[in-house]
Amino acid sequence: ANDFDAKKAESYASNWGSDHLHVGDIVTVKPASLPGHADLAW
């Protein structure tokens, strides 16, 4: 999961955990950051 807004990311982490959460602009997300082969991208 990814979002650039730190405050929203805090809520995400509070409800879903942060182990798979990348906080930052999407331009900083690289293919190597994405694990596995997901069925869906939302």
ModelCIF file with pLDDT and N, C-alpha, C, O atoms, coordinates in Angstrom:
data_MODEL
#
_entry.id   MODEL 
#
_entity.id                         1 
_entity.type                       polymer 
_entity.pdbx_number_of_molecules   1 
#
_entity_poly.entity_id                      1 
_entity_poly.type                           'polypeptide(L)' 
_entity_poly.nstd_linkage                   no 
_entity_poly.nstd_monomer                   no 
_entity_poly.pdbx_seq_one_letter_code       ANDFDAKKAESYASNWGSDHLHVGDIVTVKPASLPGHADLAW 
_entity_poly.pdbx_seq_one_letter_code_can   ANDFDAKKAESYASNWGSDHLHVGDIVTVKPASLPGHADLAW 
_entity_poly.pdbx_strand_id                 A 
#
loop_
_entity_poly_seq.entity_id 
_entity_poly_seq.num 
_entity_poly_seq.mon_id 
_entity_poly_seq.hetero 
1 1  ALA n 
1 2  ASN n 
1 3  ASP n 
1 4  PHE n 
1 5  ASP n 
1 6  ALA n 
1 7  LYS n 
1 8  LYS n 
1 9  ALA n 
1 10 GLU n 
1 11 SER n 
1 12 TYR n 
1 13 ALA n 
1 14 SER n 
1 15 ASN n 
1 16 TRP n 
1 17 GLY n 
1 18 SER n 
1 19 ASP n 
1 20 HIS n 
1 21 LEU n 
1 22 HIS n 
1 23 VAL n 
1 24 GLY n 
1 25 ASP n 
1 26 ILE n 
1 27 VAL n 
1 28 THR n 
1 29 VAL n 
1 30 LYS n 
1 31 PRO n 
1 32 ALA n 
1 33 SER n 
1 34 LEU n 
1 35 PRO n 
1 36 GLY n 
1 37 HIS n 
1 38 ALA n 
1 39 ASP n 
1 40 LEU n 
1 41 ALA n 
1 42 TRP n 
#
_struct_asym.id          A 
_struct_asym.entity_id   1 
#
loop_
_ma_qa_metric.id 
_ma_qa_metric.mode 
_ma_qa_metric.name 
_ma_qa_metric.software_group_id 
_ma_qa_metric.type 
1 global pLDDT . pLDDT 
2 local  pLDDT . pLDDT 
#
_ma_qa_metric_global.metric_id      1 
_ma_qa_metric_global.metric_value   95.36 
_ma_qa_metric_global.model_id       1 
_ma_qa_metric_global.ordinal_id     1 
#
loop_
_ma_qa_metric_local.label_asym_id 
_ma_qa_metric_local.label_comp_id 
_ma_qa_metric_local.label_seq_id 
_ma_qa_metric_local.metric_id 
_ma_qa_metric_local.metric_value 
_ma_qa_metric_local.model_id 
_ma_qa_metric_local.ordinal_id 
A ALA 1  2 97.00 1 1  
A ASN 2  2 96.00 1 2  
A ASP 3  2 95.00 1 3  
A PHE 4  2 93.00 1 4  
A ASP 5  2 94.00 1 5  
A ALA 6  2 95.00 1 6  
A LYS 7  2 95.00 1 7  
A LYS 8  2 95.00 1 8  
A ALA 9  2 96.00 1 9  
A GLU 10 2 97.00 1 10 
A SER 11 2 97.00 1 11 
A TYR 12 2 97.00 1 12 
A ALA 13 2 98.00 1 13 
A SER 14 2 97.00 1 14 
A ASN 15 2 98.00 1 15 
A TRP 16 2 97.00 1 16 
A GLY 17 2 97.00 1 17 
A SER 18 2 96.00 1 18 
A ASP 19 2 95.00 1 19 
A HIS 20 2 95.00 1 20 
A LEU 21 2 97.00 1 21 
A HIS 22 2 96.00 1 22 
A VAL 23 2 96.00 1 23 
A GLY 24 2 94.00 1 24 
A ASP 25 2 92.00 1 25 
A ILE 26 2 91.00 1 26 
A VAL 27 2 90.00 1 27 
A THR 28 2 91.00 1 28 
A VAL 29 2 93.00 1 29 
A LYS 30 2 94.00 1 30 
A PRO 31 2 95.00 1 31 
A ALA 32 2 95.00 1 32 
A SER 33 2 93.00 1 33 
A LEU 34 2 96.00 1 34 
A PRO 35 2 96.00 1 35 
A GLY 36 2 94.00 1 36 
A HIS 37 2 95.00 1 37 
A ALA 38 2 97.00 1 38 
A ASP 39 2 97.00 1 39 
A LEU 40 2 98.00 1 40 
A ALA 41 2 98.00 1 41 
A TRP 42 2 97.00 1 42 
#
loop_
_atom_site.group_PDB 
_atom_site.id 
_atom_site.type_symbol 
_atom_site.label_atom_id 
_atom_site.label_alt_id 
_atom_site.label_comp_id 
_atom_site.label_asym_id 
_atom_site.label_entity_id 
_atom_site.label_seq_id 
_atom_site.pdbx_PDB_ins_code 
_atom_site.Cartn_x 
_atom_site.Cartn_y 
_atom_site.Cartn_z 
_atom_site.occupancy 
_atom_site.B_iso_or_equiv 
_atom_site.pdbx_formal_charge 
_atom_site.auth_seq_id 
_atom_site.auth_comp_id 
_atom_site.auth_asym_id 
_atom_site.auth_atom_id 
_atom_site.pdbx_PDB_model_num 
ATOM 1   N N  . ALA A 1 1  ? 0.856  -1.196  0.000   1.00 97.00 ? 1  ALA A N  1 
ATOM 2   C CA . ALA A 1 1  ? 0.000  0.000   0.000   1.00 97.00 ? 1  ALA A CA 1 
ATOM 3   C C  . ALA A 1 1  ? 0.883  1.235   0.000   1.00 97.00 ? 1  ALA A C  1 
ATOM 4   O O  . ALA A 1 1  ? 1.989  1.228   0.540   1.00 97.00 ? 1  ALA A O  1 
ATOM 5   N N  . ASN A 1 2  ? 0.373  2.300   -0.619  1.00 96.00 ? 2  ASN A N  1 
ATOM 6   C CA . ASN A 1 2  ? 1.169  3.529   -0.734  1.00 96.00 ? 2  ASN A CA 1 
ATOM 7   C C  . ASN A 1 2  ? 0.294  4.763   -0.629  1.00 96.00 ? 2  ASN A C  1 
ATOM 8   O O  . ASN A 1 2  ? -0.800 4.807   -1.191  1.00 96.00 ? 2  ASN A O  1 
ATOM 9   N N  . ASP A 1 3  ? 0.779  5.772   0.093   1.00 95.00 ? 3  ASP A N  1 
ATOM 10  C CA . ASP A 1 3  ? 0.178  7.105   0.098   1.00 95.00 ? 3  ASP A CA 1 
ATOM 11  C C  . ASP A 1 3  ? 1.254  8.101   0.502   1.00 95.00 ? 3  ASP A C  1 
ATOM 12  O O  . ASP A 1 3  ? 2.135  7.792   1.305   1.00 95.00 ? 3  ASP A O  1 
ATOM 13  N N  . PHE A 1 4  ? 1.170  9.308   -0.068  1.00 93.00 ? 4  PHE A N  1 
ATOM 14  C CA . PHE A 1 4  ? 2.189  10.307  0.243   1.00 93.00 ? 4  PHE A CA 1 
ATOM 15  C C  . PHE A 1 4  ? 1.848  11.128  1.479   1.00 93.00 ? 4  PHE A C  1 
ATOM 16  O O  . PHE A 1 4  ? 2.721  11.800  2.028   1.00 93.00 ? 4  PHE A O  1 
ATOM 17  N N  . ASP A 1 5  ? 0.585  11.086  1.931   1.00 94.00 ? 5  ASP A N  1 
ATOM 18  C CA . ASP A 1 5  ? 0.125  11.888  3.062   1.00 94.00 ? 5  ASP A CA 1 
ATOM 19  C C  . ASP A 1 5  ? 0.437  11.164  4.375   1.00 94.00 ? 5  ASP A C  1 
ATOM 20  O O  . ASP A 1 5  ? -0.124 10.105  4.656   1.00 94.00 ? 5  ASP A O  1 
ATOM 21  N N  . ALA A 1 6  ? 1.328  11.742  5.168   1.00 95.00 ? 6  ALA A N  1 
ATOM 22  C CA . ALA A 1 6  ? 1.771  11.086  6.396   1.00 95.00 ? 6  ALA A CA 1 
ATOM 23  C C  . ALA A 1 6  ? 0.633  10.907  7.395   1.00 95.00 ? 6  ALA A C  1 
ATOM 24  O O  . ALA A 1 6  ? 0.582  9.901   8.103   1.00 95.00 ? 6  ALA A O  1 
ATOM 25  N N  . LYS A 1 7  ? -0.280 11.876  7.458   1.00 95.00 ? 7  LYS A N  1 
ATOM 26  C CA . LYS A 1 7  ? -1.388 11.783  8.405   1.00 95.00 ? 7  LYS A CA 1 
ATOM 27  C C  . LYS A 1 7  ? -2.335 10.645  8.025   1.00 95.00 ? 7  LYS A C  1 
ATOM 28  O O  . LYS A 1 7  ? -2.774 9.882   8.886   1.00 95.00 ? 7  LYS A O  1 
ATOM 29  N N  . LYS A 1 8  ? -2.645 10.535  6.740   1.00 95.00 ? 8  LYS A N  1 
ATOM 30  C CA . LYS A 1 8  ? -3.489 9.428   6.292   1.00 95.00 ? 8  LYS A CA 1 
ATOM 31  C C  . LYS A 1 8  ? -2.791 8.099   6.522   1.00 95.00 ? 8  LYS A C  1 
ATOM 32  O O  . LYS A 1 8  ? -3.418 7.106   6.891   1.00 95.00 ? 8  LYS A O  1 
ATOM 33  N N  . ALA A 1 9  ? -1.483 8.096   6.298   1.00 96.00 ? 9  ALA A N  1 
ATOM 34  C CA . ALA A 1 9  ? -0.722 6.867   6.496   1.00 96.00 ? 9  ALA A CA 1 
ATOM 35  C C  . ALA A 1 9  ? -0.773 6.420   7.952   1.00 96.00 ? 9  ALA A C  1 
ATOM 36  O O  . ALA A 1 9  ? -0.767 5.221   8.233   1.00 96.00 ? 9  ALA A O  1 
ATOM 37  N N  . GLU A 1 10 ? -0.824 7.372   8.880   1.00 97.00 ? 10 GLU A N  1 
ATOM 38  C CA . GLU A 1 10 ? -0.954 7.017   10.292  1.00 97.00 ? 10 GLU A CA 1 
ATOM 39  C C  . GLU A 1 10 ? -2.260 6.268   10.542  1.00 97.00 ? 10 GLU A C  1 
ATOM 40  O O  . GLU A 1 10 ? -2.293 5.287   11.285  1.00 97.00 ? 10 GLU A O  1 
ATOM 41  N N  . SER A 1 11 ? -3.330 6.741   9.913   1.00 97.00 ? 11 SER A N  1 
ATOM 42  C CA . SER A 1 11 ? -4.618 6.062   10.060  1.00 97.00 ? 11 SER A CA 1 
ATOM 43  C C  . SER A 1 11 ? -4.573 4.686   9.423   1.00 97.00 ? 11 SER A C  1 
ATOM 44  O O  . SER A 1 11 ? -5.105 3.719   9.969   1.00 97.00 ? 11 SER A O  1 
ATOM 45  N N  . TYR A 1 12 ? -3.934 4.604   8.261   1.00 97.00 ? 12 TYR A N  1 
ATOM 46  C CA . TYR A 1 12 ? -3.819 3.300   7.606   1.00 97.00 ? 12 TYR A CA 1 
ATOM 47  C C  . TYR A 1 12 ? -3.102 2.318   8.525   1.00 97.00 ? 12 TYR A C  1 
ATOM 48  O O  . TYR A 1 12 ? -3.559 1.194   8.734   1.00 97.00 ? 12 TYR A O  1 
ATOM 49  N N  . ALA A 1 13 ? -1.974 2.760   9.069   1.00 98.00 ? 13 ALA A N  1 
ATOM 50  C CA . ALA A 1 13 ? -1.181 1.886   9.928   1.00 98.00 ? 13 ALA A CA 1 
ATOM 51  C C  . ALA A 1 13 ? -1.945 1.489   11.185  1.00 98.00 ? 13 ALA A C  1 
ATOM 52  O O  . ALA A 1 13 ? -1.824 0.359   11.658  1.00 98.00 ? 13 ALA A O  1 
ATOM 53  N N  . SER A 1 14 ? -2.736 2.421   11.730  1.00 97.00 ? 14 SER A N  1 
ATOM 54  C CA . SER A 1 14 ? -3.500 2.138   12.944  1.00 97.00 ? 14 SER A CA 1 
ATOM 55  C C  . SER A 1 14 ? -4.524 1.039   12.713  1.00 97.00 ? 14 SER A C  1 
ATOM 56  O O  . SER A 1 14 ? -4.835 0.264   13.618  1.00 97.00 ? 14 SER A O  1 
ATOM 57  N N  . ASN A 1 15 ? -5.045 0.980   11.495  1.00 98.00 ? 15 ASN A N  1 
ATOM 58  C CA . ASN A 1 15 ? -6.109 0.019   11.207  1.00 98.00 ? 15 ASN A CA 1 
ATOM 59  C C  . ASN A 1 15 ? -5.632 -1.251  10.519  1.00 98.00 ? 15 ASN A C  1 
ATOM 60  O O  . ASN A 1 15 ? -6.237 -2.310  10.686  1.00 98.00 ? 15 ASN A O  1 
ATOM 61  N N  . TRP A 1 16 ? -4.552 -1.155  9.746   1.00 97.00 ? 16 TRP A N  1 
ATOM 62  C CA . TRP A 1 16 ? -4.144 -2.296  8.929   1.00 97.00 ? 16 TRP A CA 1 
ATOM 63  C C  . TRP A 1 16 ? -2.706 -2.743  9.168   1.00 97.00 ? 16 TRP A C  1 
ATOM 64  O O  . TRP A 1 16 ? -2.286 -3.779  8.654   1.00 97.00 ? 16 TRP A O  1 
ATOM 65  N N  . GLY A 1 17 ? -1.954 -1.974  9.939   1.00 97.00 ? 17 GLY A N  1 
ATOM 66  C CA . GLY A 1 17 ? -0.544 -2.292  10.121  1.00 97.00 ? 17 GLY A CA 1 
ATOM 67  C C  . GLY A 1 17 ? 0.315  -1.559  9.105   1.00 97.00 ? 17 GLY A C  1 
ATOM 68  O O  . GLY A 1 17 ? -0.197 -1.010  8.130   1.00 97.00 ? 17 GLY A O  1 
ATOM 69  N N  . SER A 1 18 ? 1.614  -1.553  9.335   1.00 96.00 ? 18 SER A N  1 
ATOM 70  C CA . SER A 1 18 ? 2.509  -0.758  8.485   1.00 96.00 ? 18 SER A CA 1 
ATOM 71  C C  . SER A 1 18 ? 3.587  -1.582  7.797   1.00 96.00 ? 18 SER A C  1 
ATOM 72  O O  . SER A 1 18 ? 4.435  -1.025  7.099   1.00 96.00 ? 18 SER A O  1 
ATOM 73  N N  . ASP A 1 19 ? 3.570  -2.895  7.982   1.00 95.00 ? 19 ASP A N  1 
ATOM 74  C CA . ASP A 1 19 ? 4.648  -3.709  7.429   1.00 95.00 ? 19 ASP A CA 1 
ATOM 75  C C  . ASP A 1 19 ? 4.691  -3.682  5.909   1.00 95.00 ? 19 ASP A C  1 
ATOM 76  O O  . ASP A 1 19 ? 5.755  -3.872  5.319   1.00 95.00 ? 19 ASP A O  1 
ATOM 77  N N  . HIS A 1 20 ? 3.557  -3.450  5.269   1.00 95.00 ? 20 HIS A N  1 
ATOM 78  C CA . HIS A 1 20 ? 3.488  -3.428  3.804   1.00 95.00 ? 20 HIS A CA 1 
ATOM 79  C C  . HIS A 1 20 ? 3.208  -2.018  3.268   1.00 95.00 ? 20 HIS A C  1 
ATOM 80  O O  . HIS A 1 20 ? 2.909  -1.863  2.084   1.00 95.00 ? 20 HIS A O  1 
ATOM 81  N N  . LEU A 1 21 ? 3.300  -0.993  4.119   1.00 97.00 ? 21 LEU A N  1 
ATOM 82  C CA . LEU A 1 21 ? 2.941  0.379   3.758   1.00 97.00 ? 21 LEU A CA 1 
ATOM 83  C C  . LEU A 1 21 ? 4.170  1.204   3.400   1.00 97.00 ? 21 LEU A C  1 
ATOM 84  O O  . LEU A 1 21 ? 5.136  1.266   4.161   1.00 97.00 ? 21 LEU A O  1 
ATOM 85  N N  . HIS A 1 22 ? 4.121  1.832   2.237   1.00 96.00 ? 22 HIS A N  1 
ATOM 86  C CA . HIS A 1 22 ? 5.185  2.748   1.804   1.00 96.00 ? 22 HIS A CA 1 
ATOM 87  C C  . HIS A 1 22 ? 4.633  4.166   1.840   1.00 96.00 ? 22 HIS A C  1 
ATOM 88  O O  . HIS A 1 22 ? 3.698  4.487   1.107   1.00 96.00 ? 22 HIS A O  1 
ATOM 89  N N  . VAL A 1 23 ? 5.200  5.010   2.682   1.00 96.00 ? 23 VAL A N  1 
ATOM 90  C CA . VAL A 1 23 ? 4.746  6.397   2.808   1.00 96.00 ? 23 VAL A CA 1 
ATOM 91  C C  . VAL A 1 23 ? 5.667  7.286   1.984   1.00 96.00 ? 23 VAL A C  1 
ATOM 92  O O  . VAL A 1 23 ? 6.858  7.401   2.276   1.00 96.00 ? 23 VAL A O  1 
ATOM 93  N N  . GLY A 1 24 ? 5.113  7.910   0.962   1.00 94.00 ? 24 GLY A N  1 
ATOM 94  C CA . GLY A 1 24 ? 5.915  8.761   0.106   1.00 94.00 ? 24 GLY A CA 1 
ATOM 95  C C  . GLY A 1 24 ? 5.264  8.931   -1.251  1.00 94.00 ? 24 GLY A C  1 
ATOM 96  O O  . GLY A 1 24 ? 4.311  8.228   -1.589  1.00 94.00 ? 24 GLY A O  1 
ATOM 97  N N  . ASP A 1 25 ? 5.783  9.867   -2.024  1.00 92.00 ? 25 ASP A N  1 
ATOM 98  C CA . ASP A 1 25 ? 5.262  10.125  -3.364  1.00 92.00 ? 25 ASP A CA 1 
ATOM 99  C C  . ASP A 1 25 ? 5.364  8.863   -4.206  1.00 92.00 ? 25 ASP A C  1 
ATOM 100 O O  . ASP A 1 25 ? 6.321  8.099   -4.076  1.00 92.00 ? 25 ASP A O  1 
ATOM 101 N N  . ILE A 1 26 ? 4.389  8.646   -5.059  1.00 91.00 ? 26 ILE A N  1 
ATOM 102 C CA . ILE A 1 26 ? 4.385  7.437   -5.881  1.00 91.00 ? 26 ILE A CA 1 
ATOM 103 C C  . ILE A 1 26 ? 5.578  7.391   -6.829  1.00 91.00 ? 26 ILE A C  1 
ATOM 104 O O  . ILE A 1 26 ? 5.978  6.312   -7.268  1.00 91.00 ? 26 ILE A O  1 
ATOM 105 N N  . VAL A 1 27 ? 6.150  8.549   -7.149  1.00 90.00 ? 27 VAL A N  1 
ATOM 106 C CA . VAL A 1 27 ? 7.332  8.533   -8.022  1.00 90.00 ? 27 VAL A CA 1 
ATOM 107 C C  . VAL A 1 27 ? 8.514  7.854   -7.347  1.00 90.00 ? 27 VAL A C  1 
ATOM 108 O O  . VAL A 1 27 ? 9.466  7.457   -8.019  1.00 90.00 ? 27 VAL A O  1 
ATOM 109 N N  . THR A 1 28 ? 8.462  7.716   -6.020  1.00 91.00 ? 28 THR A N  1 
ATOM 110 C CA . THR A 1 28 ? 9.552  7.043   -5.294  1.00 91.00 ? 28 THR A CA 1 
ATOM 111 C C  . THR A 1 28 ? 9.350  5.536   -5.232  1.00 91.00 ? 28 THR A C  1 
ATOM 112 O O  . THR A 1 28 ? 10.225 4.806   -4.766  1.00 91.00 ? 28 THR A O  1 
ATOM 113 N N  . VAL A 1 29 ? 8.186  5.067   -5.706  1.00 93.00 ? 29 VAL A N  1 
ATOM 114 C CA . VAL A 1 29 ? 7.910  3.633   -5.693  1.00 93.00 ? 29 VAL A CA 1 
ATOM 115 C C  . VAL A 1 29 ? 8.499  3.005   -6.959  1.00 93.00 ? 29 VAL A C  1 
ATOM 116 O O  . VAL A 1 29 ? 8.210  3.438   -8.075  1.00 93.00 ? 29 VAL A O  1 
ATOM 117 N N  . LYS A 1 30 ? 9.313  2.001   -6.770  1.00 94.00 ? 30 LYS A N  1 
ATOM 118 C CA . LYS A 1 30 ? 9.942  1.301   -7.882  1.00 94.00 ? 30 LYS A CA 1 
ATOM 119 C C  . LYS A 1 30 ? 9.377  -0.118  -7.983  1.00 94.00 ? 30 LYS A C  1 
ATOM 120 O O  . LYS A 1 30 ? 8.838  -0.643  -7.009  1.00 94.00 ? 30 LYS A O  1 
ATOM 121 N N  . PRO A 1 31 ? 9.500  -0.736  -9.156  1.00 95.00 ? 31 PRO A N  1 
ATOM 122 C CA . PRO A 1 31 ? 9.003  -2.110  -9.289  1.00 95.00 ? 31 PRO A CA 1 
ATOM 123 C C  . PRO A 1 31 ? 9.558  -3.045  -8.216  1.00 95.00 ? 31 PRO A C  1 
ATOM 124 O O  . PRO A 1 31 ? 8.858  -3.945  -7.750  1.00 95.00 ? 31 PRO A O  1 
ATOM 125 N N  . ALA A 1 32 ? 10.811 -2.833  -7.827  1.00 95.00 ? 32 ALA A N  1 
ATOM 126 C CA . ALA A 1 32 ? 11.416 -3.689  -6.805  1.00 95.00 ? 32 ALA A CA 1 
ATOM 127 C C  . ALA A 1 32 ? 10.743 -3.520  -5.452  1.00 95.00 ? 32 ALA A C  1 
ATOM 128 O O  . ALA A 1 32 ? 10.873 -4.379  -4.580  1.00 95.00 ? 32 ALA A O  1 
ATOM 129 N N  . SER A 1 33 ? 10.010 -2.393  -5.269  1.00 93.00 ? 33 SER A N  1 
ATOM 130 C CA . SER A 1 33 ? 9.310  -2.161  -4.006  1.00 93.00 ? 33 SER A CA 1 
ATOM 131 C C  . SER A 1 33 ? 8.060  -3.019  -3.882  1.00 93.00 ? 33 SER A C  1 
ATOM 132 O O  . SER A 1 33 ? 7.535  -3.213  -2.786  1.00 93.00 ? 33 SER A O  1 
ATOM 133 N N  . LEU A 1 34 ? 7.590  -3.530  -5.009  1.00 96.00 ? 34 LEU A N  1 
ATOM 134 C CA . LEU A 1 34 ? 6.315  -4.253  -5.044  1.00 96.00 ? 34 LEU A CA 1 
ATOM 135 C C  . LEU A 1 34 ? 6.565  -5.751  -4.985  1.00 96.00 ? 34 LEU A C  1 
ATOM 136 O O  . LEU A 1 34 ? 7.133  -6.325  -5.914  1.00 96.00 ? 34 LEU A O  1 
ATOM 137 N N  . PRO A 1 35 ? 6.146  -6.386  -3.900  1.00 96.00 ? 35 PRO A N  1 
ATOM 138 C CA . PRO A 1 35 ? 6.403  -7.820  -3.763  1.00 96.00 ? 35 PRO A CA 1 
ATOM 139 C C  . PRO A 1 35 ? 5.447  -8.663  -4.590  1.00 96.00 ? 35 PRO A C  1 
ATOM 140 O O  . PRO A 1 35 ? 4.301  -8.283  -4.830  1.00 96.00 ? 35 PRO A O  1 
ATOM 141 N N  . GLY A 1 36 ? 5.936  -9.799  -5.013  1.00 94.00 ? 36 GLY A N  1 
ATOM 142 C CA . GLY A 1 36 ? 5.075  -10.780 -5.653  1.00 94.00 ? 36 GLY A CA 1 
ATOM 143 C C  . GLY A 1 36 ? 4.488  -10.343 -6.983  1.00 94.00 ? 36 GLY A C  1 
ATOM 144 O O  . GLY A 1 36 ? 5.018  -9.469  -7.669  1.00 94.00 ? 36 GLY A O  1 
ATOM 145 N N  . HIS A 1 37 ? 3.384  -10.977 -7.322  1.00 95.00 ? 37 HIS A N  1 
ATOM 146 C CA . HIS A 1 37 ? 2.666  -10.714 -8.576  1.00 95.00 ? 37 HIS A CA 1 
ATOM 147 C C  . HIS A 1 37 ? 1.186  -10.598 -8.222  1.00 95.00 ? 37 HIS A C  1 
ATOM 148 O O  . HIS A 1 37 ? 0.463  -11.594 -8.205  1.00 95.00 ? 37 HIS A O  1 
ATOM 149 N N  . ALA A 1 38 ? 0.742  -9.377  -7.942  1.00 97.00 ? 38 ALA A N  1 
ATOM 150 C CA . ALA A 1 38 ? -0.628 -9.147  -7.465  1.00 97.00 ? 38 ALA A CA 1 
ATOM 151 C C  . ALA A 1 38 ? -1.651 -9.389  -8.566  1.00 97.00 ? 38 ALA A C  1 
ATOM 152 O O  . ALA A 1 38 ? -1.380 -9.166  -9.746  1.00 97.00 ? 38 ALA A O  1 
ATOM 153 N N  . ASP A 1 39 ? -2.821 -9.844  -8.162  1.00 97.00 ? 39 ASP A N  1 
ATOM 154 C CA . ASP A 1 39 ? -3.923 -10.010 -9.106  1.00 97.00 ? 39 ASP A CA 1 
ATOM 155 C C  . ASP A 1 39 ? -4.546 -8.670  -9.490  1.00 97.00 ? 39 ASP A C  1 
ATOM 156 O O  . ASP A 1 39 ? -5.026 -8.498  -10.611 1.00 97.00 ? 39 ASP A O  1 
ATOM 157 N N  . LEU A 1 40 ? -4.534 -7.724  -8.551  1.00 98.00 ? 40 LEU A N  1 
ATOM 158 C CA . LEU A 1 40 ? -5.248 -6.451  -8.725  1.00 98.00 ? 40 LEU A CA 1 
ATOM 159 C C  . LEU A 1 40 ? -4.387 -5.285  -8.276  1.00 98.00 ? 40 LEU A C  1 
ATOM 160 O O  . LEU A 1 40 ? -3.684 -5.374  -7.269  1.00 98.00 ? 40 LEU A O  1 
ATOM 161 N N  . ALA A 1 41 ? -4.442 -4.196  -9.020  1.00 98.00 ? 41 ALA A N  1 
ATOM 162 C CA . ALA A 1 41 ? -3.895 -2.919  -8.572  1.00 98.00 ? 41 ALA A CA 1 
ATOM 163 C C  . ALA A 1 41 ? -5.061 -1.945  -8.470  1.00 98.00 ? 41 ALA A C  1 
ATOM 164 O O  . ALA A 1 41 ? -5.723 -1.650  -9.465  1.00 98.00 ? 41 ALA A O  1 
ATOM 165 N N  . TRP A 1 42 ? -5.309 -1.445  -7.258  1.00 97.00 ? 42 TRP A N  1 
ATOM 166 C CA . TRP A 1 42 ? -6.384 -0.472  -7.046  1.00 97.00 ? 42 TRP A CA 1 
ATOM 167 C C  . TRP A 1 42 ? -5.760 0.911   -6.912  1.00 97.00 ? 42 TRP A C  1 
ATOM 168 O O  . TRP A 1 42 ? -6.475 1.896   -6.726  1.00 97.00 ? 42 TRP A O  1 
#
